[in-house]
C-alpha atoms as a PDB file:
ATOM      1  CA  MET A   1      -0.145   0.554   0.129  1.00  0.00           C
ATOM      2  CA  LEU A   2       1.060   3.649  -1.164  1.00  0.00           C
ATOM      3  CA  THR A   3       1.609   5.757   1.827  1.00  0.00           C
ATOM      4  CA  LYS A   4       0.426   9.642   1.395  1.00  0.00           C
ATOM      5  CA  ALA A   5       3.332  11.130   1.172  1.00  0.00           C
ATOM      6  CA  PHE A   6       4.784   8.598  -1.791  1.00  0.00           C
ATOM      7  CA  LYS A   7       1.422   9.127  -3.284  1.00  0.00           C
ATOM      8  CA  TRP A   8       1.773  12.837  -2.974  1.00  0.00           C
ATOM      9  CA  CYS A   9       5.441  12.275  -4.182  1.00  0.00           C
ATOM     10  CA  LEU A  10       4.946  10.949  -7.319  1.00  0.00           C
ATOM     11  CA  LEU A  11       1.682  13.269  -8.240  1.00  0.00           C
ATOM     12  CA  THR A  12       3.738  16.219  -7.914  1.00  0.00           C
ATOM     13  CA  SER A  13       6.300  14.102 -10.033  1.00  0.00           C
ATOM     14  CA  LEU A  14       3.949  14.082 -12.530  1.00  0.00           C
ATOM     15  CA  ILE A  15       2.878  17.192 -12.726  1.00  0.00           C
ATOM     16  CA  SER A  16       6.307  18.539 -12.965  1.00  0.00           C
ATOM     17  CA  ALA A  17       7.147  15.840 -15.563  1.00  0.00           C
ATOM     18  CA  SER A  18       4.215  17.028 -17.763  1.00  0.00           C
ATOM     19  CA  ILE A  19       5.191  20.613 -17.154  1.00  0.00           C
ATOM     20  CA  ILE A  20       8.425  20.106 -18.857  1.00  0.00           C
ATOM     21  CA  VAL A  21       7.599  18.131 -21.453  1.00  0.00           C
ATOM     22  CA  THR A  22       4.661  21.163 -22.051  1.00  0.00           C
ATOM     23  CA  SER A  23       6.782  24.006 -21.738  1.00  0.00           C
ATOM     24  CA  GLN A  24       9.538  22.081 -24.037  1.00  0.00           C
ATOM     25  CA  GLN A  25       6.439  21.744 -26.604  1.00  0.00           C
ATOM     26  CA  VAL A  26       5.429  25.276 -26.460  1.00  0.00           C
ATOM     27  CA  VAL A  27       9.505  26.762 -26.435  1.00  0.00           C
ATOM     28  CA  ALA A  28       9.688  24.213 -29.634  1.00  0.00           C
ATOM     29  CA  SER A  29       6.254  25.292 -31.543  1.00  0.00           C
ATOM     30  CA  ALA A  30       7.433  28.993 -30.591  1.00  0.00           C
ATOM     31  CA  LEU A  31      10.696  28.388 -32.208  1.00  0.00           C
ATOM     32  CA  ARG A  32       9.514  26.594 -35.111  1.00  0.00           C
ATOM     33  CA  SER A  33       6.720  29.782 -35.484  1.00  0.00           C
ATOM     34  CA  THR A  34       9.630  32.355 -35.710  1.00  0.00           C
ATOM     35  CA  ALA A  35      12.006  30.593 -37.395  1.00  0.00           C
ATOM     36  CA  ASN A  36      11.355  33.146 -40.147  1.00  0.00           C
ATOM     37  CA  VAL A  37      12.407  35.891 -37.585  1.00  0.00           C
ATOM     38  CA  PRO A  38      16.776  37.172 -37.833  1.00  0.00           C
ATOM     39  CA  LEU A  39      17.591  37.089 -34.076  1.00  0.00           C
ATOM     40  CA  HIS A  40      20.877  38.039 -34.441  1.00  0.00           C
ATOM     41  CA  TYR A  41      21.571  38.549 -30.598  1.00  0.00           C
ATOM     42  CA  ASP A  42      23.038  35.652 -28.323  1.00  0.00           C
ATOM     43  CA  LEU A  43      20.680  35.530 -25.323  1.00  0.00           C
ATOM     44  CA  GLY A  44      22.964  33.255 -23.188  1.00  0.00           C
ATOM     45  CA  ASN A  45      24.331  34.344 -19.519  1.00  0.00           C
ATOM     46  CA  LYS A  46      21.595  37.129 -19.647  1.00  0.00           C
ATOM     47  CA  MET A  47      18.680  37.469 -16.807  1.00  0.00           C
ATOM     48  CA  VAL A  48      15.535  36.231 -18.886  1.00  0.00           C
ATOM     49  CA  PRO A  49      14.000  38.499 -20.729  1.00  0.00           C
ATOM     50  CA  ASN A  50      10.821  40.057 -20.663  1.00  0.00           C
ATOM     51  CA  TRP A  51       8.136  40.764 -23.384  1.00  0.00           C
ATOM     52  CA  SER A  52       6.689  44.315 -22.522  1.00  0.00           C
ATOM     53  CA  GLY A  53       5.726  47.323 -24.065  1.00  0.00           C
ATOM     54  CA  GLY A  54       5.838  46.105 -27.281  1.00  0.00           C
ATOM     55  CA  ALA A  55       9.254  44.248 -27.117  1.00  0.00           C
ATOM     56  CA  LEU A  56      11.184  42.099 -26.195  1.00  0.00           C
ATOM     57  CA  VAL A  57      13.379  43.281 -23.302  1.00  0.00           C
ATOM     58  CA  VAL A  58      16.634  42.133 -22.023  1.00  0.00           C
ATOM     59  CA  VAL A  59      19.123  43.307 -19.367  1.00  0.00           C
ATOM     60  CA  GLU A  60      22.804  43.295 -20.066  1.00  0.00           C
ATOM     61  CA  GLY A  61      25.842  43.278 -17.771  1.00  0.00           C
ATOM     62  CA  GLU A  62      23.799  42.826 -13.996  1.00  0.00           C
ATOM     63  CA  SER A  63      25.516  43.285 -11.234  1.00  0.00           C
ATOM     64  CA  THR A  64      27.780  45.898 -12.991  1.00  0.00           C
ATOM     65  CA  PRO A  65      28.183  49.460 -12.564  1.00  0.00           C
ATOM     66  CA  THR A  66      26.400  50.230 -15.575  1.00  0.00           C
ATOM     67  CA  PRO A  67      23.902  47.387 -16.626  1.00  0.00           C
ATOM     68  CA  LEU A  68      22.612  47.905 -20.666  1.00  0.00           C
ATOM     69  CA  VAL A  69      18.588  47.246 -21.710  1.00  0.00           C
ATOM     70  CA  ARG A  70      18.169  46.549 -24.837  1.00  0.00           C
ATOM     71  CA  SER A  71      15.097  46.354 -26.529  1.00  0.00           C
ATOM     72  CA  PHE A  72      13.961  44.358 -29.597  1.00  0.00           C
ATOM     73  CA  ASP A  73      10.700  45.229 -31.656  1.00  0.00           C
ATOM     74  CA  ALA A  74       8.624  41.720 -32.885  1.00  0.00           C
ATOM     75  CA  THR A  75      10.986  41.187 -35.950  1.00  0.00           C
ATOM     76  CA  GLY A  76      13.923  40.935 -33.810  1.00  0.00           C
ATOM     77  CA  HIS A  77      15.407  44.280 -34.654  1.00  0.00           C
ATOM     78  CA  GLN A  78      17.346  46.285 -31.778  1.00  0.00           C
ATOM     79  CA  ILE A  79      15.129  48.938 -31.424  1.00  0.00           C
ATOM     80  CA  SER A  80      16.349  50.895 -27.939  1.00  0.00           C
ATOM     81  CA  LEU A  81      19.538  50.541 -25.791  1.00  0.00           C
ATOM     82  CA  ALA A  82      20.211  52.192 -22.469  1.00  0.00           C
ATOM     83  CA  SER A  83      22.488  52.214 -19.628  1.00  0.00           C
ATOM     84  CA  PHE A  84      21.986  53.763 -16.298  1.00  0.00           C
ATOM     85  CA  SER A  85      24.080  54.029 -13.418  1.00  0.00           C
ATOM     86  CA  ILE A  86      23.522  55.264  -9.817  1.00  0.00           C
ATOM     87  CA  PRO A  87      25.817  57.744  -8.064  1.00  0.00           C
ATOM     88  CA  GLY A  88      28.532  55.525  -5.916  1.00  0.00           C
ATOM     89  CA  ALA A  89      27.902  52.742  -6.614  1.00  0.00           C
ATOM     90  CA  ARG A  90      30.143  50.084  -7.445  1.00  0.00           C
ATOM     91  CA  LEU A  91      27.824  47.110  -8.461  1.00  0.00           C
ATOM     92  CA  ILE A  92      23.838  47.243  -9.576  1.00  0.00           C
ATOM     93  CA  THR A  93      22.042  44.064  -9.304  1.00  0.00           C
ATOM     94  CA  VAL A  94      18.758  44.015 -11.489  1.00  0.00           C
ATOM     95  CA  HIS A  95      15.770  42.302  -9.750  1.00  0.00           C
ATOM     96  CA  GLY A  96      12.617  43.629 -11.927  1.00  0.00           C
ATOM     97  CA  PHE A  97      12.517  45.204 -14.806  1.00  0.00           C
ATOM     98  CA  SER A  98       9.715  46.188 -17.482  1.00  0.00           C
ATOM     99  CA  ARG A  99       8.968  48.732 -20.650  1.00  0.00           C
ATOM    100  CA  GLY A 100       5.883  50.889 -21.302  1.00  0.00           C
ATOM    101  CA  ALA A 101       4.059  51.138 -24.930  1.00  0.00           C
ATOM    102  CA  ASP A 102       6.244  54.538 -24.835  1.00  0.00           C
ATOM    103  CA  GLY A 103       9.123  53.137 -24.559  1.00  0.00           C
ATOM    104  CA  THR A 104      10.049  53.728 -20.210  1.00  0.00           C
ATOM    105  CA  LEU A 105      11.680  51.716 -18.956  1.00  0.00           C
ATOM    106  CA  ALA A 106      11.239  50.486 -15.105  1.00  0.00           C
ATOM    107  CA  ILE A 107      14.450  48.793 -13.162  1.00  0.00           C
ATOM    108  CA  CYS A 108      14.193  48.177 -10.241  1.00  0.00           C
ATOM    109  CA  GLY A 109      17.008  46.013  -7.640  1.00  0.00           C
ATOM    110  CA  ASP A 110      19.741  47.148  -4.658  1.00  0.00           C
ATOM    111  CA  ALA A 111      22.561  49.364  -5.530  1.00  0.00           C
ATOM    112  CA  PHE A 112      25.894  48.229  -3.497  1.00  0.00           C
ATOM    113  CA  HIS A 113      28.207  51.301  -2.831  1.00  0.00           C
ATOM    114  CA  THR A 114      31.408  52.129  -2.195  1.00  0.00           C
ATOM    115  CA  ASP A 115      31.404  52.449   0.982  1.00  0.00           C
ATOM    116  CA  GLY A 116      29.860  49.056   2.036  1.00  0.00           C
ATOM    117  CA  ARG A 117      26.238  49.820   2.559  1.00  0.00           C
ATOM    118  CA  VAL A 118      23.477  48.375   0.190  1.00  0.00           C
ATOM    119  CA  ALA A 119      20.245  50.486  -0.362  1.00  0.00           C
ATOM    120  CA  PRO A 120      17.140  49.066  -2.793  1.00  0.00           C
ATOM    121  CA  TYR A 121      16.274  51.739  -5.840  1.00  0.00           C
ATOM    122  CA  LEU A 122      13.672  52.168  -8.713  1.00  0.00           C
ATOM    123  CA  ALA A 123      15.082  53.648 -11.745  1.00  0.00           C
ATOM    124  CA  ILE A 124      12.495  55.316 -14.303  1.00  0.00           C
ATOM    125  CA  LEU A 125      14.815  55.805 -17.794  1.00  0.00           C
ATOM    126  CA  SER A 126      12.134  57.771 -20.575  1.00  0.00           C
ATOM    127  CA  ALA A 127      12.179  56.472 -23.596  1.00  0.00           C
ATOM    128  CA  ASN A 128      14.860  58.658 -25.517  1.00  0.00           C
ATOM    129  CA  GLY A 129      17.398  57.512 -23.024  1.00  0.00           C
ATOM    130  CA  GLU A 130      17.809  61.413 -21.608  1.00  0.00           C
ATOM    131  CA  ASP A 131      16.040  61.687 -18.091  1.00  0.00           C
ATOM    132  CA  LEU A 132      16.718  59.171 -15.565  1.00  0.00           C
ATOM    133  CA  GLN A 133      15.206  59.280 -11.803  1.00  0.00           C
ATOM    134  CA  ILE A 134      16.703  57.265  -9.707  1.00  0.00           C
ATOM    135  CA  VAL A 135      14.180  56.516  -6.313  1.00  0.00           C
ATOM    136  CA  ARG A 136      15.678  55.625  -3.093  1.00  0.00           C
ATOM    137  CA  PRO A 137      12.341  53.656  -1.458  1.00  0.00           C
ATOM    138  CA  PHE A 138      14.388  52.592   1.846  1.00  0.00           C
ATOM    139  CA  PRO A 139      13.210  50.963   4.245  1.00  0.00           C
ATOM    140  CA  TYR A 140      10.451  49.698   0.619  1.00  0.00           C
ATOM    141  CA  HIS A 141      12.516  47.454  -1.698  1.00  0.00           C
ATOM    142  CA  PRO A 142      10.767  46.454  -5.123  1.00  0.00           C
ATOM    143  CA  HIS A 143      11.364  43.018  -6.715  1.00  0.00           C
ATOM    144  CA  ARG A 144       9.661  43.639  -9.270  1.00  0.00           C
ATOM    145  CA  ALA A 145       8.215  46.936 -11.375  1.00  0.00           C
ATOM    146  CA  VAL A 146       5.926  47.754 -14.679  1.00  0.00           C
ATOM    147  CA  VAL A 147       5.428  50.664 -16.338  1.00  0.00           C
ATOM    148  CA  ALA A 148       1.422  51.031 -16.472  1.00  0.00           C
ATOM    149  CA  SER A 149      -0.515  52.363 -19.758  1.00  0.00           C
ATOM    150  CA  ASP A 150      -1.299  55.960 -18.080  1.00  0.00           C
ATOM    151  CA  GLY A 151       2.723  55.920 -17.737  1.00  0.00           C
ATOM    152  CA  THR A 152       2.518  54.966 -13.724  1.00  0.00           C
ATOM    153  CA  VAL A 153       5.242  53.085 -12.616  1.00  0.00           C
ATOM    154  CA  TRP A 154       3.746  49.718  -9.973  1.00  0.00           C
ATOM    155  CA  THR A 155       6.061  47.937  -7.795  1.00  0.00           C
ATOM    156  CA  LEU A 156       5.742  44.798  -5.693  1.00  0.00           C
ATOM    157  CA  GLY A 157       8.153  44.502  -2.986  1.00  0.00           C
ATOM    158  CA  ILE A 158       8.644  44.216   0.755  1.00  0.00           C
ATOM    159  CA  GLU A 159       9.644  46.795   3.828  1.00  0.00           C
ATOM    160  CA  ASP A 160      12.153  45.790   5.528  1.00  0.00           C
ATOM    161  CA  SER A 161      13.815  47.124   9.044  1.00  0.00           C
ATOM    162  CA  GLU A 162      17.061  45.523   8.421  1.00  0.00           C
ATOM    163  CA  ASP A 163      17.519  44.853  11.893  1.00  0.00           C
ATOM    164  CA  PRO A 164      20.119  41.928  11.935  1.00  0.00           C
ATOM    165  CA  LYS A 165      19.520  41.246  15.087  1.00  0.00           C
ATOM    166  CA  ILE A 166      15.873  40.176  14.292  1.00  0.00           C
ATOM    167  CA  PRO A 167      15.208  36.904  12.364  1.00  0.00           C
ATOM    168  CA  PHE A 168      14.338  37.876   8.482  1.00  0.00           C
ATOM    169  CA  ALA A 169      10.622  36.861   8.589  1.00  0.00           C
ATOM    170  CA  ASN A 170       9.964  38.798  11.666  1.00  0.00           C
ATOM    171  CA  ARG A 171      11.360  42.089   9.879  1.00  0.00           C
ATOM    172  CA  ILE A 172       8.990  42.286   7.491  1.00  0.00           C
ATOM    173  CA  ASN A 173       6.717  45.119   8.418  1.00  0.00           C
ATOM    174  CA  PRO A 174       3.113  43.349   7.420  1.00  0.00           C
ATOM    175  CA  ILE A 175       0.945  46.773   7.737  1.00  0.00           C
ATOM    176  CA  ALA A 176       3.417  48.355   4.823  1.00  0.00           C
ATOM    177  CA  GLY A 177       2.323  48.217   1.276  1.00  0.00           C
ATOM    178  CA  ALA A 178       3.934  45.657  -0.908  1.00  0.00           C
ATOM    179  CA  ILE A 179       2.266  47.342  -4.045  1.00  0.00           C
ATOM    180  CA  ARG A 180       3.596  50.757  -4.802  1.00  0.00           C
ATOM    181  CA  ARG A 181       3.203  53.036  -7.650  1.00  0.00           C
ATOM    182  CA  PHE A 182       5.058  56.012  -8.478  1.00  0.00           C
ATOM    183  CA  ASP A 183       4.851  58.968 -10.894  1.00  0.00           C
ATOM    184  CA  LYS A 184       7.658  59.287 -13.859  1.00  0.00           C
ATOM    185  CA  SER A 185       9.284  62.018 -11.973  1.00  0.00           C
ATOM    186  CA  GLY A 186       9.673  58.598  -9.197  1.00  0.00           C
ATOM    187  CA  LYS A 187       7.010  61.005  -6.962  1.00  0.00           C
ATOM    188  CA  LEU A 188       4.789  57.933  -4.822  1.00  0.00           C
ATOM    189  CA  LEU A 189       1.615  58.201  -5.497  1.00  0.00           C
ATOM    190  CA  GLU A 190      -0.314  54.927  -3.554  1.00  0.00           C
ATOM    191  CA  SER A 191       0.970  51.940  -0.877  1.00  0.00           C
ATOM    192  CA  LEU A 192      -1.577  48.922  -0.978  1.00  0.00           C
ATOM    193  CA  PRO A 193      -2.663  47.034   0.718  1.00  0.00           C
ATOM    194  CA  LYS A 194      -3.594  49.917   3.499  1.00  0.00           C
ATOM    195  CA  ARG A 195      -4.077  46.718   5.485  1.00  0.00           C
ATOM    196  CA  LEU A 196      -3.741  42.843   5.743  1.00  0.00           C
END
């Protein structure tokens, strides 16, 4: 007789195997359907790209002082290249990124400074690459960012007291807004939910 634990392991293994097979079939199908699209760009050793704002967005140089963000249109041609840096940061990590329909980029992550500090950031870069707003939302740490159709930037993250004497799970502020909305200038417009 099979134990419940064994049945559960068997079921999850079968589901995982079917997901892998299904995802491989989807990728193979997508590759067949785009075989005529010339994308002369190597996606190896880069963050997983995402499709947003009508373009495939790719981040290069994640964990460097100056990450690059490339956008490709549906035909595989590069339509934009942007980079950004944060004053005093020796290393910038990227947790989330998105592109708006107008080409605005929103990137969030952590900046590691030369004096040893680590600080969260939200970078909002205009479509022409000339206007960069760096928001320092500490103690809020955004992990995902998306540019909405109205040009506002929505983030998902946590607020952390960062007190090393307190276990991490207890440091998260449960009543702070996990979802936050910013305007293009980086001004906080809204924090949701108000209470859990």
